[in-house]
N, C-alpha and C. Protein backbone atom coordinates (compact mmCIF):
# COMPACT_ATOMS: atom_id res chain seq x y z
N MET A 1 0.85 -1.18 0.00
CA MET A 1 0.00 0.00 0.00
C MET A 1 0.89 1.24 0.00
N PHE A 2 0.48 2.28 -0.64
CA PHE A 2 1.27 3.50 -0.69
C PHE A 2 1.12 4.28 0.61
N ARG A 3 2.24 4.90 1.03
CA ARG A 3 2.21 5.71 2.23
C ARG A 3 1.19 6.84 2.04
N GLY A 4 0.35 7.04 3.05
CA GLY A 4 -0.63 8.10 2.98
C GLY A 4 -1.95 7.69 2.35
N LEU A 5 -2.00 6.53 1.71
CA LEU A 5 -3.24 6.12 1.05
C LEU A 5 -3.93 4.98 1.76
N ALA A 6 -3.33 4.46 2.82
CA ALA A 6 -3.92 3.30 3.50
C ALA A 6 -5.35 3.57 3.92
N SER A 7 -5.61 4.75 4.46
CA SER A 7 -6.98 5.03 4.91
C SER A 7 -7.94 5.17 3.73
N TRP A 8 -7.44 5.52 2.57
CA TRP A 8 -8.30 5.66 1.39
C TRP A 8 -8.63 4.31 0.79
N THR A 9 -7.73 3.35 0.91
CA THR A 9 -7.92 2.10 0.20
C THR A 9 -8.35 0.95 1.09
N SER A 10 -8.36 1.13 2.40
CA SER A 10 -8.74 0.03 3.28
C SER A 10 -9.78 0.44 4.31
N HIS A 11 -10.52 1.49 4.01
CA HIS A 11 -11.53 1.95 4.96
C HIS A 11 -12.72 0.99 4.99
N PRO A 12 -13.50 1.02 6.09
CA PRO A 12 -14.60 0.06 6.24
C PRO A 12 -15.87 0.41 5.48
N GLY A 13 -15.90 1.51 4.76
CA GLY A 13 -17.12 1.88 4.05
C GLY A 13 -16.87 3.10 3.18
N ASN A 14 -17.93 3.83 2.88
CA ASN A 14 -17.84 5.03 2.06
C ASN A 14 -18.08 6.26 2.91
N HIS A 15 -17.38 7.34 2.58
CA HIS A 15 -17.59 8.61 3.27
C HIS A 15 -18.77 9.29 2.60
N GLN A 16 -19.81 9.57 3.39
CA GLN A 16 -21.05 10.12 2.82
C GLN A 16 -21.56 11.27 3.66
N ALA A 17 -21.57 12.47 3.08
CA ALA A 17 -22.12 13.65 3.72
C ALA A 17 -21.59 13.85 5.14
N GLY A 18 -20.30 13.71 5.30
CA GLY A 18 -19.68 13.98 6.59
C GLY A 18 -19.62 12.81 7.55
N THR A 19 -20.14 11.65 7.15
CA THR A 19 -20.08 10.47 8.02
C THR A 19 -19.57 9.28 7.22
N MET A 20 -19.08 8.29 7.93
CA MET A 20 -18.60 7.07 7.28
C MET A 20 -19.72 6.04 7.30
N ALA A 21 -20.17 5.64 6.13
CA ALA A 21 -21.19 4.59 6.02
C ALA A 21 -20.47 3.25 6.02
N THR A 22 -20.83 2.38 6.93
CA THR A 22 -20.15 1.10 7.04
C THR A 22 -20.63 0.14 5.95
N ARG A 23 -19.85 -0.89 5.73
CA ARG A 23 -20.20 -1.89 4.72
C ARG A 23 -21.48 -2.60 5.11
N GLN A 24 -22.41 -2.68 4.17
CA GLN A 24 -23.65 -3.41 4.41
C GLN A 24 -23.68 -4.68 3.58
N ALA A 25 -22.73 -4.83 2.69
CA ALA A 25 -22.67 -6.02 1.85
C ALA A 25 -21.20 -6.33 1.58
N ALA A 26 -20.94 -7.53 1.17
CA ALA A 26 -19.56 -7.94 0.92
C ALA A 26 -19.10 -7.60 -0.49
N SER A 27 -19.92 -6.90 -1.25
CA SER A 27 -19.57 -6.60 -2.64
C SER A 27 -18.44 -5.58 -2.70
N GLU A 28 -17.36 -5.97 -3.38
CA GLU A 28 -16.22 -5.09 -3.54
C GLU A 28 -15.72 -5.15 -4.97
N LEU A 29 -15.16 -4.05 -5.40
CA LEU A 29 -14.48 -3.99 -6.68
C LEU A 29 -12.99 -4.00 -6.35
N ILE A 30 -12.24 -4.91 -6.92
CA ILE A 30 -10.82 -5.01 -6.65
C ILE A 30 -10.07 -4.33 -7.79
N SER A 31 -9.26 -3.33 -7.43
CA SER A 31 -8.45 -2.62 -8.42
C SER A 31 -7.12 -3.34 -8.56
N ILE A 32 -6.78 -3.70 -9.79
CA ILE A 32 -5.57 -4.47 -10.08
C ILE A 32 -4.60 -3.62 -10.89
N ASP A 33 -3.32 -3.67 -10.52
CA ASP A 33 -2.27 -3.01 -11.28
C ASP A 33 -2.11 -3.77 -12.59
N PRO A 34 -2.40 -3.15 -13.74
CA PRO A 34 -2.33 -3.87 -15.01
C PRO A 34 -0.91 -4.28 -15.40
N ALA A 35 0.09 -3.65 -14.81
CA ALA A 35 1.47 -3.98 -15.17
C ALA A 35 1.93 -5.29 -14.56
N ASN A 36 1.45 -5.58 -13.33
CA ASN A 36 1.95 -6.79 -12.66
C ASN A 36 0.87 -7.66 -12.03
N GLY A 37 -0.38 -7.24 -12.14
CA GLY A 37 -1.49 -8.04 -11.62
C GLY A 37 -1.68 -7.94 -10.12
N ALA A 38 -0.90 -7.09 -9.45
CA ALA A 38 -1.01 -6.95 -7.99
C ALA A 38 -2.26 -6.15 -7.62
N GLU A 39 -2.84 -6.50 -6.50
CA GLU A 39 -4.00 -5.77 -6.00
C GLU A 39 -3.54 -4.40 -5.49
N ILE A 40 -4.24 -3.35 -5.94
CA ILE A 40 -3.94 -1.99 -5.49
C ILE A 40 -4.86 -1.62 -4.34
N ALA A 41 -6.14 -1.89 -4.51
CA ALA A 41 -7.12 -1.49 -3.50
C ALA A 41 -8.41 -2.27 -3.69
N ARG A 42 -9.22 -2.25 -2.65
CA ARG A 42 -10.58 -2.79 -2.71
C ARG A 42 -11.53 -1.63 -2.44
N VAL A 43 -12.53 -1.52 -3.29
CA VAL A 43 -13.49 -0.42 -3.18
C VAL A 43 -14.87 -1.01 -2.99
N ARG A 44 -15.56 -0.55 -1.99
CA ARG A 44 -16.91 -1.03 -1.70
C ARG A 44 -17.86 -0.62 -2.81
N ILE A 45 -18.70 -1.54 -3.25
CA ILE A 45 -19.71 -1.25 -4.26
C ILE A 45 -20.98 -0.81 -3.54
N THR A 46 -21.48 0.34 -3.92
CA THR A 46 -22.67 0.91 -3.29
C THR A 46 -23.90 0.49 -4.08
N SER A 47 -24.93 0.02 -3.37
CA SER A 47 -26.17 -0.39 -4.03
C SER A 47 -26.95 0.84 -4.51
N ALA A 48 -27.91 0.61 -5.38
CA ALA A 48 -28.75 1.71 -5.88
C ALA A 48 -29.49 2.39 -4.74
N GLN A 49 -29.99 1.61 -3.78
CA GLN A 49 -30.72 2.19 -2.64
C GLN A 49 -29.78 3.03 -1.78
N GLU A 50 -28.58 2.52 -1.55
CA GLU A 50 -27.60 3.29 -0.77
C GLU A 50 -27.22 4.57 -1.50
N LEU A 51 -27.06 4.48 -2.81
CA LEU A 51 -26.70 5.65 -3.60
C LEU A 51 -27.79 6.71 -3.53
N ASP A 52 -29.05 6.31 -3.61
CA ASP A 52 -30.15 7.26 -3.47
C ASP A 52 -30.08 7.97 -2.12
N ALA A 53 -29.80 7.20 -1.06
CA ALA A 53 -29.70 7.79 0.28
C ALA A 53 -28.50 8.73 0.37
N VAL A 54 -27.40 8.36 -0.26
CA VAL A 54 -26.20 9.21 -0.26
C VAL A 54 -26.49 10.54 -0.96
N VAL A 55 -27.14 10.47 -2.11
CA VAL A 55 -27.47 11.69 -2.86
C VAL A 55 -28.40 12.57 -2.04
N ALA A 56 -29.39 11.98 -1.38
CA ALA A 56 -30.31 12.76 -0.55
C ALA A 56 -29.57 13.44 0.60
N ARG A 57 -28.65 12.70 1.26
CA ARG A 57 -27.89 13.30 2.36
C ARG A 57 -26.95 14.40 1.86
N ALA A 58 -26.34 14.18 0.69
CA ALA A 58 -25.44 15.19 0.13
C ALA A 58 -26.22 16.45 -0.23
N TRP A 59 -27.38 16.28 -0.82
CA TRP A 59 -28.20 17.43 -1.19
C TRP A 59 -28.63 18.19 0.06
N ASN A 60 -29.01 17.46 1.10
CA ASN A 60 -29.39 18.09 2.36
C ASN A 60 -28.20 18.84 2.97
N ALA A 61 -27.03 18.23 2.94
CA ALA A 61 -25.83 18.89 3.47
C ALA A 61 -25.52 20.15 2.67
N PHE A 62 -25.67 20.09 1.36
CA PHE A 62 -25.42 21.26 0.52
C PHE A 62 -26.37 22.40 0.87
N ARG A 63 -27.65 22.07 1.03
CA ARG A 63 -28.64 23.11 1.30
C ARG A 63 -28.49 23.72 2.69
N HIS A 64 -28.01 22.93 3.66
CA HIS A 64 -27.99 23.39 5.04
C HIS A 64 -26.59 23.57 5.62
N SER A 65 -25.57 23.55 4.79
CA SER A 65 -24.19 23.63 5.29
C SER A 65 -23.76 25.05 5.63
N GLY A 66 -24.43 26.03 5.08
CA GLY A 66 -24.01 27.41 5.28
C GLY A 66 -23.04 27.89 4.21
N TRP A 67 -22.68 27.01 3.28
CA TRP A 67 -21.73 27.37 2.22
C TRP A 67 -22.21 28.58 1.43
N LYS A 68 -23.52 28.62 1.12
CA LYS A 68 -24.06 29.72 0.32
C LYS A 68 -23.92 31.06 1.02
N SER A 69 -23.92 31.05 2.35
CA SER A 69 -23.85 32.30 3.10
C SER A 69 -22.41 32.77 3.37
N LEU A 70 -21.43 31.94 3.03
CA LEU A 70 -20.03 32.34 3.25
C LEU A 70 -19.63 33.42 2.25
N LEU A 71 -18.82 34.33 2.71
CA LEU A 71 -18.26 35.35 1.83
C LEU A 71 -17.15 34.72 0.98
N PRO A 72 -16.84 35.33 -0.16
CA PRO A 72 -15.83 34.73 -1.04
C PRO A 72 -14.51 34.41 -0.34
N HIS A 73 -14.02 35.31 0.52
CA HIS A 73 -12.74 35.03 1.18
C HIS A 73 -12.86 33.86 2.17
N GLN A 74 -14.06 33.65 2.73
CA GLN A 74 -14.27 32.51 3.63
C GLN A 74 -14.28 31.20 2.84
N ARG A 75 -14.91 31.22 1.68
CA ARG A 75 -14.90 30.04 0.82
C ARG A 75 -13.48 29.73 0.37
N ALA A 76 -12.72 30.78 0.07
CA ALA A 76 -11.33 30.60 -0.36
C ALA A 76 -10.52 29.88 0.71
N LEU A 77 -10.74 30.20 1.98
CA LEU A 77 -10.02 29.52 3.06
C LEU A 77 -10.29 28.02 3.04
N VAL A 78 -11.55 27.65 2.84
CA VAL A 78 -11.91 26.23 2.79
C VAL A 78 -11.26 25.56 1.58
N LEU A 79 -11.35 26.21 0.43
CA LEU A 79 -10.79 25.63 -0.79
C LEU A 79 -9.26 25.51 -0.71
N HIS A 80 -8.62 26.49 -0.09
CA HIS A 80 -7.16 26.42 0.07
C HIS A 80 -6.78 25.28 1.02
N ALA A 81 -7.58 25.05 2.06
CA ALA A 81 -7.31 23.93 2.98
C ALA A 81 -7.42 22.60 2.24
N ILE A 82 -8.42 22.48 1.36
CA ILE A 82 -8.56 21.26 0.55
C ILE A 82 -7.34 21.11 -0.37
N ALA A 83 -6.94 22.20 -1.01
CA ALA A 83 -5.77 22.16 -1.89
C ALA A 83 -4.52 21.76 -1.12
N ASP A 84 -4.36 22.28 0.09
CA ASP A 84 -3.20 21.93 0.91
C ASP A 84 -3.20 20.44 1.25
N GLY A 85 -4.38 19.90 1.55
CA GLY A 85 -4.48 18.47 1.84
C GLY A 85 -4.10 17.61 0.64
N LEU A 86 -4.55 18.02 -0.54
CA LEU A 86 -4.18 17.29 -1.76
C LEU A 86 -2.69 17.42 -2.05
N ALA A 87 -2.15 18.62 -1.85
CA ALA A 87 -0.72 18.83 -2.09
C ALA A 87 0.13 17.98 -1.16
N ALA A 88 -0.33 17.80 0.07
CA ALA A 88 0.41 16.99 1.04
C ALA A 88 0.48 15.53 0.61
N GLU A 89 -0.47 15.09 -0.19
CA GLU A 89 -0.53 13.69 -0.64
C GLU A 89 -0.15 13.54 -2.11
N LYS A 90 0.47 14.57 -2.69
CA LYS A 90 0.70 14.55 -4.14
C LYS A 90 1.56 13.37 -4.60
N GLN A 91 2.57 13.00 -3.85
CA GLN A 91 3.41 11.86 -4.25
C GLN A 91 2.60 10.57 -4.26
N ALA A 92 1.85 10.34 -3.19
CA ALA A 92 1.04 9.12 -3.10
C ALA A 92 -0.04 9.10 -4.18
N LEU A 93 -0.66 10.25 -4.44
CA LEU A 93 -1.68 10.32 -5.48
C LEU A 93 -1.08 10.06 -6.86
N ALA A 94 0.11 10.59 -7.10
CA ALA A 94 0.77 10.37 -8.39
C ALA A 94 1.09 8.89 -8.58
N ARG A 95 1.58 8.22 -7.51
CA ARG A 95 1.88 6.79 -7.61
C ARG A 95 0.62 5.99 -7.89
N LEU A 96 -0.47 6.34 -7.20
CA LEU A 96 -1.73 5.63 -7.41
C LEU A 96 -2.21 5.82 -8.85
N ARG A 97 -2.12 7.02 -9.36
CA ARG A 97 -2.54 7.30 -10.74
C ARG A 97 -1.69 6.50 -11.73
N CYS A 98 -0.41 6.43 -11.47
CA CYS A 98 0.48 5.68 -12.38
C CYS A 98 0.17 4.20 -12.39
N CYS A 99 -0.33 3.68 -11.28
CA CYS A 99 -0.67 2.25 -11.23
C CYS A 99 -1.77 1.90 -12.22
N SER A 100 -2.63 2.85 -12.54
CA SER A 100 -3.72 2.55 -13.45
C SER A 100 -3.35 2.86 -14.90
N THR A 101 -2.15 3.39 -15.12
CA THR A 101 -1.70 3.74 -16.45
C THR A 101 -0.27 3.25 -16.65
N PRO A 102 -0.08 1.99 -17.01
CA PRO A 102 1.28 1.44 -17.12
C PRO A 102 2.18 2.21 -18.08
N ALA A 103 1.62 2.77 -19.13
CA ALA A 103 2.45 3.47 -20.12
C ALA A 103 3.08 4.74 -19.54
N SER A 104 2.53 5.25 -18.44
CA SER A 104 3.05 6.50 -17.89
C SER A 104 4.18 6.28 -16.90
N ARG A 105 4.57 5.04 -16.66
CA ARG A 105 5.65 4.77 -15.68
C ARG A 105 7.00 5.09 -16.24
């Protein structure tokens, strides 16, 4: 597993509207490195019913989060924090991306 990605690839469920939804079924999609056949990650498959619930919770979070009432500079602070988090994981993200594209190695 890549450093920094363990929590992304081995979590017990899906992150949905600010909470972690635990696995309700054993259905998983296994991501395989096409270059060597090694397992990269396992991703939980979400059912149609779960997806409907996720969309409803996300829509509710969007409407009631207060995001619309934030001033532009306040939104910028949030977006910069997200960018900083992604930048902190850029090496691990690049390695993960390369695993799905053997020609780019």
